[in-house]
Amino acid sequence: MSTEGSQKLVSDLKVLAADTQELLRATAEQSGEKVNAARDKARVALARAQARVAAAEAALADRACSATRTTDDYAHGHPWAMAGVVGLFALAIGFIAGRR
């Protein structure tokens, strides 16, 4: 899964968790055996989902830090190659901007 996709998934899960918490608060005054059982099941599912979101966020942050370190190490180890890449990128942007 791409980093962008992972970030969207984490964001969607956070929204779902917030909505579930709001639903639990809204139904707190409702009583009945079935309602209480459903509420307890929702609380357990919410706790699991929040734990998974936290783990996914941590993994995503670790991967981002690793990629940043790798890029930084490469840039410091090959400064002329990086200057060439940046120069070609700037040339391409200038060419595209000049055509408009």
Protein backbone atom coordinates (compact mmCIF):
# COMPACT_ATOMS: atom_id res chain seq x y z
CA MET A 1 0.00 0.00 0.00
CA SER A 2 1.34 3.44 -0.86
CA THR A 3 2.14 6.00 1.78
CA GLU A 4 -0.63 8.25 0.51
CA GLY A 5 -3.10 5.38 0.68
CA SER A 6 -1.96 4.51 4.19
CA GLN A 7 -2.39 8.10 5.32
CA LYS A 8 -5.92 8.18 3.88
CA LEU A 9 -6.77 4.90 5.61
CA VAL A 10 -5.52 6.18 8.97
CA SER A 11 -7.50 9.40 8.48
CA ASP A 12 -10.67 7.48 7.58
CA LEU A 13 -10.27 5.20 10.59
CA LYS A 14 -9.88 8.22 12.89
CA VAL A 15 -13.10 9.69 11.52
CA LEU A 16 -14.86 6.36 12.01
CA ALA A 17 -13.59 6.15 15.59
CA ALA A 18 -14.81 9.67 16.35
CA ASP A 19 -18.22 8.88 14.87
CA THR A 20 -18.45 5.66 16.90
CA GLN A 21 -17.56 7.51 20.10
CA GLU A 22 -20.24 10.09 19.34
CA LEU A 23 -22.78 7.32 18.72
CA LEU A 24 -21.87 5.67 22.02
CA ARG A 25 -22.34 8.99 23.83
CA ALA A 26 -25.67 9.61 22.10
CA THR A 27 -27.04 6.19 23.06
CA ALA A 28 -25.71 6.25 26.62
CA GLU A 29 -29.16 6.93 28.05
CA GLN A 30 -30.81 4.12 26.09
CA SER A 31 -31.39 0.96 28.05
CA GLY A 32 -32.16 -2.60 27.26
CA GLU A 33 -30.21 -5.79 27.07
CA LYS A 34 -29.69 -5.68 23.30
CA VAL A 35 -28.66 -2.02 23.33
CA ASN A 36 -26.16 -2.61 26.14
CA ALA A 37 -24.72 -5.66 24.37
CA ALA A 38 -24.37 -3.72 21.11
CA ARG A 39 -22.76 -0.80 22.96
CA ASP A 40 -20.25 -3.11 24.67
CA LYS A 41 -19.43 -4.78 21.35
CA ALA A 42 -18.93 -1.36 19.74
CA ARG A 43 -16.61 -0.29 22.56
CA VAL A 44 -14.45 -3.39 22.12
CA ALA A 45 -14.33 -2.93 18.34
CA LEU A 46 -13.49 0.76 18.78
CA ALA A 47 -10.63 -0.05 21.16
CA ARG A 48 -9.22 -2.58 18.68
CA ALA A 49 -9.54 -0.14 15.79
CA GLN A 50 -7.81 2.62 17.74
CA ALA A 51 -4.95 0.27 18.62
CA ARG A 52 -4.59 -0.69 14.95
CA VAL A 53 -4.64 2.97 13.88
CA ALA A 54 -1.92 3.77 16.40
CA ALA A 55 0.19 0.88 15.12
CA ALA A 56 -0.38 1.89 11.49
CA GLU A 57 0.58 5.48 12.26
CA ALA A 58 3.75 4.36 14.01
CA ALA A 59 4.69 2.10 11.09
CA LEU A 60 3.98 4.88 8.62
CA ALA A 61 6.10 7.33 10.59
CA ASP A 62 8.95 4.81 10.80
CA ARG A 63 8.85 4.23 7.03
CA ALA A 64 8.82 7.97 6.37
CA CYS A 65 11.79 8.53 8.69
CA SER A 66 13.67 5.66 7.07
CA ALA A 67 13.05 7.04 3.59
CA THR A 68 14.16 10.49 4.72
CA ARG A 69 17.36 9.12 6.24
CA THR A 70 18.13 7.07 3.13
CA THR A 71 17.61 10.09 0.87
CA ASP A 72 19.73 12.28 3.12
CA ASP A 73 22.53 9.71 3.21
CA TYR A 74 22.46 9.37 -0.58
CA ALA A 75 22.47 13.16 -1.07
CA HIS A 76 25.48 13.56 1.21
CA GLY A 77 27.29 10.65 -0.41
CA HIS A 78 26.64 11.77 -4.00
CA PRO A 79 26.38 15.57 -4.03
CA TRP A 80 27.20 15.99 -7.73
CA ALA A 81 24.62 13.44 -8.79
CA MET A 82 22.00 15.22 -6.69
CA ALA A 83 23.00 18.58 -8.18
CA GLY A 84 22.56 17.08 -11.64
CA VAL A 85 19.13 15.70 -10.80
CA VAL A 86 18.02 19.01 -9.32
CA GLY A 87 19.40 20.86 -12.35
CA LEU A 88 17.53 18.59 -14.78
CA PHE A 89 14.35 18.98 -12.77
CA ALA A 90 14.72 22.79 -12.79
CA LEU A 91 15.40 22.72 -16.53
CA ALA A 92 12.27 20.65 -17.16
CA ILE A 93 10.14 22.98 -15.03
CA GLY A 94 11.59 26.00 -16.83
CA PHE A 95 10.90 24.42 -20.22
CA ILE A 96 7.30 23.60 -19.27
CA ALA A 97 6.70 27.05 -17.80
CA GLY A 98 8.24 28.74 -20.83
CA ARG A 99 5.88 27.01 -23.24
CA ARG A 100 2.78 28.57 -21.73
